């Protein structure tokens, strides 16, 4: 009997519609941004292959419209 391996990403729920603003009770520290797709405080990390910063949880880039809009980077 072969068991299927569990994946962490199957357990996570990502927003189909990204957050439009940071929730009121969230306070961001230096280098932290709000990811509107996984609804978490994250530090975007540089992808060496692509040369862009990405969310370590959902892999959305910092160049995404909603990431910029929510974090006031536009």
N, C-alpha and C. Protein backbone atom coordinates (compact mmCIF):
# COMPACT_ATOMS: atom_id res chain seq x y z
N UNK A 1 0.83 -1.17 0.00
CA UNK A 1 0.00 0.00 0.00
C UNK A 1 0.88 1.25 0.00
N UNK A 2 0.67 2.09 -0.98
CA UNK A 2 1.49 3.29 -1.14
C UNK A 2 0.76 4.50 -0.58
N UNK A 3 1.41 5.22 0.31
CA UNK A 3 0.82 6.42 0.91
C UNK A 3 1.27 7.65 0.13
N UNK A 4 0.35 8.60 -0.01
CA UNK A 4 0.69 9.85 -0.68
C UNK A 4 1.40 10.78 0.28
N UNK A 5 2.39 11.48 -0.22
CA UNK A 5 3.12 12.43 0.58
C UNK A 5 2.31 13.73 0.71
N UNK A 6 2.22 14.25 1.92
CA UNK A 6 1.52 15.51 2.15
C UNK A 6 2.40 16.68 1.75
N UNK A 7 1.77 17.69 1.18
CA UNK A 7 2.47 18.90 0.83
C UNK A 7 1.92 20.05 1.66
N UNK A 8 2.79 20.87 2.17
CA UNK A 8 2.38 22.02 2.96
C UNK A 8 1.51 22.96 2.15
N UNK A 9 1.80 23.10 0.86
CA UNK A 9 1.07 24.03 0.01
C UNK A 9 -0.37 23.59 -0.23
N UNK A 10 -0.65 22.31 -0.09
CA UNK A 10 -2.03 21.84 -0.22
C UNK A 10 -2.84 22.21 1.02
N UNK A 11 -2.17 22.41 2.14
CA UNK A 11 -2.85 22.78 3.38
C UNK A 11 -3.10 24.28 3.50
N UNK A 12 -2.29 25.08 2.80
CA UNK A 12 -2.44 26.53 2.84
C UNK A 12 -3.57 26.97 1.92
N UNK A 13 -4.27 27.99 2.33
CA UNK A 13 -5.34 28.55 1.50
C UNK A 13 -4.90 29.94 1.05
N UNK A 14 -4.88 30.14 -0.26
CA UNK A 14 -4.51 31.43 -0.83
C UNK A 14 -5.76 32.16 -1.27
N UNK A 15 -5.74 33.46 -1.17
CA UNK A 15 -6.89 34.29 -1.56
C UNK A 15 -7.02 34.32 -3.08
N UNK A 16 -8.22 34.03 -3.58
CA UNK A 16 -8.46 34.20 -5.01
C UNK A 16 -8.56 35.68 -5.34
N UNK A 17 -9.17 36.43 -4.43
CA UNK A 17 -9.23 37.89 -4.55
C UNK A 17 -8.29 38.47 -3.50
N UNK A 18 -7.22 39.14 -3.94
CA UNK A 18 -6.24 39.65 -2.97
C UNK A 18 -6.83 40.71 -2.05
N UNK A 19 -6.19 40.84 -0.87
CA UNK A 19 -6.60 41.87 0.08
C UNK A 19 -6.42 43.24 -0.57
N UNK A 20 -7.35 44.14 -0.31
CA UNK A 20 -7.28 45.49 -0.87
C UNK A 20 -6.54 46.46 0.05
N UNK A 21 -6.37 46.08 1.32
CA UNK A 21 -5.62 46.91 2.27
C UNK A 21 -5.11 46.03 3.41
N UNK A 22 -4.15 46.56 4.12
CA UNK A 22 -3.59 45.85 5.27
C UNK A 22 -4.60 45.94 6.41
N UNK A 23 -4.89 44.84 7.09
CA UNK A 23 -5.82 44.89 8.23
C UNK A 23 -5.34 45.89 9.29
N UNK A 24 -6.28 46.50 9.99
CA UNK A 24 -5.97 47.57 10.95
C UNK A 24 -5.06 47.13 12.09
N UNK A 25 -5.17 45.91 12.56
CA UNK A 25 -4.39 45.47 13.72
C UNK A 25 -2.99 44.96 13.36
N UNK A 26 -2.58 45.12 12.12
CA UNK A 26 -1.27 44.64 11.67
C UNK A 26 -0.27 45.79 11.71
N UNK A 27 0.88 45.53 12.34
CA UNK A 27 1.97 46.51 12.38
C UNK A 27 3.19 45.88 11.71
N UNK A 28 3.69 46.53 10.67
CA UNK A 28 4.83 46.01 9.92
C UNK A 28 6.13 46.59 10.45
N UNK A 29 7.11 45.73 10.62
CA UNK A 29 8.46 46.16 11.03
C UNK A 29 9.28 46.47 9.79
N UNK A 30 10.52 46.85 9.99
CA UNK A 30 11.43 47.16 8.88
C UNK A 30 11.58 45.94 7.97
N UNK A 31 11.55 46.17 6.68
CA UNK A 31 11.70 45.15 5.63
C UNK A 31 10.51 44.20 5.50
N UNK A 32 9.48 44.37 6.31
CA UNK A 32 8.31 43.51 6.20
C UNK A 32 7.27 44.15 5.29
N UNK A 33 6.57 43.29 4.54
CA UNK A 33 5.48 43.73 3.69
C UNK A 33 4.29 42.82 3.93
N UNK A 34 3.12 43.28 3.56
CA UNK A 34 1.91 42.47 3.66
C UNK A 34 1.70 41.79 2.31
N UNK A 35 1.58 40.47 2.31
CA UNK A 35 1.29 39.75 1.07
C UNK A 35 -0.23 39.64 0.95
N UNK A 36 -0.82 40.27 -0.06
CA UNK A 36 -2.28 40.26 -0.19
C UNK A 36 -2.85 38.92 -0.65
N UNK A 37 -2.00 38.02 -1.13
CA UNK A 37 -2.48 36.73 -1.63
C UNK A 37 -2.49 35.65 -0.55
N UNK A 38 -1.50 35.65 0.32
CA UNK A 38 -1.49 34.65 1.40
C UNK A 38 -1.87 35.28 2.74
N UNK A 39 -2.15 36.59 2.75
CA UNK A 39 -2.59 37.32 3.95
C UNK A 39 -1.65 37.11 5.14
N UNK A 40 -0.37 37.32 4.89
CA UNK A 40 0.65 37.17 5.92
C UNK A 40 1.64 38.32 5.87
N UNK A 41 2.26 38.57 7.02
CA UNK A 41 3.40 39.49 7.07
C UNK A 41 4.60 38.68 6.62
N UNK A 42 5.30 39.16 5.60
CA UNK A 42 6.45 38.43 5.08
C UNK A 42 7.59 39.39 4.75
N UNK A 43 8.78 38.83 4.65
CA UNK A 43 9.93 39.54 4.12
C UNK A 43 10.17 38.93 2.74
N UNK A 44 9.95 39.72 1.70
CA UNK A 44 10.14 39.20 0.35
C UNK A 44 11.62 38.89 0.14
N UNK A 45 11.91 37.74 -0.42
CA UNK A 45 13.29 37.30 -0.63
C UNK A 45 13.62 37.32 -2.12
N UNK A 46 14.87 37.63 -2.42
CA UNK A 46 15.30 37.73 -3.81
C UNK A 46 15.45 36.35 -4.42
N UNK A 47 14.84 36.16 -5.59
CA UNK A 47 14.99 34.94 -6.37
C UNK A 47 16.22 35.14 -7.26
N UNK A 48 17.25 34.36 -7.02
CA UNK A 48 18.52 34.55 -7.74
C UNK A 48 18.37 34.28 -9.24
N UNK A 49 17.52 33.33 -9.60
CA UNK A 49 17.35 32.98 -11.00
C UNK A 49 16.60 34.06 -11.77
N UNK A 50 15.52 34.58 -11.17
CA UNK A 50 14.70 35.59 -11.85
C UNK A 50 15.13 37.02 -11.56
N UNK A 51 15.84 37.23 -10.46
CA UNK A 51 16.31 38.57 -10.11
C UNK A 51 15.24 39.49 -9.55
N UNK A 52 14.17 38.92 -9.00
CA UNK A 52 13.10 39.72 -8.39
C UNK A 52 12.85 39.21 -6.98
N UNK A 53 12.23 40.05 -6.16
CA UNK A 53 11.86 39.62 -4.81
C UNK A 53 10.52 38.92 -4.86
N UNK A 54 10.40 37.81 -4.10
CA UNK A 54 9.18 37.01 -4.10
C UNK A 54 8.76 36.69 -2.68
N UNK A 55 7.45 36.47 -2.50
CA UNK A 55 6.92 36.04 -1.21
C UNK A 55 7.39 34.60 -0.98
N UNK A 56 7.97 34.31 0.18
CA UNK A 56 8.46 32.94 0.44
C UNK A 56 7.33 31.92 0.62
N UNK A 57 6.10 32.39 0.80
CA UNK A 57 4.98 31.47 1.01
C UNK A 57 4.26 31.15 -0.30
N UNK A 58 3.85 32.20 -1.02
CA UNK A 58 3.05 31.96 -2.22
C UNK A 58 3.78 32.27 -3.53
N UNK A 59 4.99 32.79 -3.45
CA UNK A 59 5.86 33.06 -4.60
C UNK A 59 5.40 34.19 -5.51
N UNK A 60 4.52 35.06 -5.05
CA UNK A 60 4.13 36.22 -5.86
C UNK A 60 5.27 37.23 -5.82
N UNK A 61 5.52 37.92 -6.92
CA UNK A 61 6.64 38.86 -6.95
C UNK A 61 6.24 40.22 -6.40
N UNK A 62 7.24 40.99 -6.06
CA UNK A 62 7.01 42.33 -5.54
C UNK A 62 6.53 43.27 -6.65
N UNK A 63 6.63 42.83 -7.91
CA UNK A 63 6.19 43.64 -9.04
C UNK A 63 4.69 43.52 -9.29
N UNK A 64 3.99 42.66 -8.55
CA UNK A 64 2.56 42.49 -8.73
C UNK A 64 1.82 43.76 -8.32
N UNK A 65 0.76 44.09 -9.06
CA UNK A 65 0.00 45.32 -8.81
C UNK A 65 -0.52 45.39 -7.38
N UNK A 66 -1.16 44.32 -6.90
CA UNK A 66 -1.78 44.35 -5.57
C UNK A 66 -0.75 44.37 -4.45
N UNK A 67 0.39 43.77 -4.65
CA UNK A 67 1.47 43.84 -3.65
C UNK A 67 1.92 45.29 -3.52
N UNK A 68 2.11 45.95 -4.65
CA UNK A 68 2.52 47.36 -4.64
C UNK A 68 1.42 48.25 -4.04
N UNK A 69 0.19 48.04 -4.45
CA UNK A 69 -0.93 48.87 -4.02
C UNK A 69 -1.16 48.78 -2.52
N UNK A 70 -1.21 47.56 -1.98
CA UNK A 70 -1.48 47.35 -0.56
C UNK A 70 -0.36 47.91 0.31
N UNK A 71 0.88 47.79 -0.15
CA UNK A 71 2.02 48.24 0.64
C UNK A 71 2.45 49.66 0.32
N UNK A 72 1.66 50.37 -0.48
CA UNK A 72 1.91 51.76 -0.85
C UNK A 72 3.27 51.93 -1.52
N UNK A 73 3.59 51.02 -2.44
CA UNK A 73 4.85 51.10 -3.18
C UNK A 73 4.64 51.70 -4.57
N UNK A 74 3.39 52.02 -4.90
CA UNK A 74 3.07 52.57 -6.22
C UNK A 74 3.19 54.07 -6.18
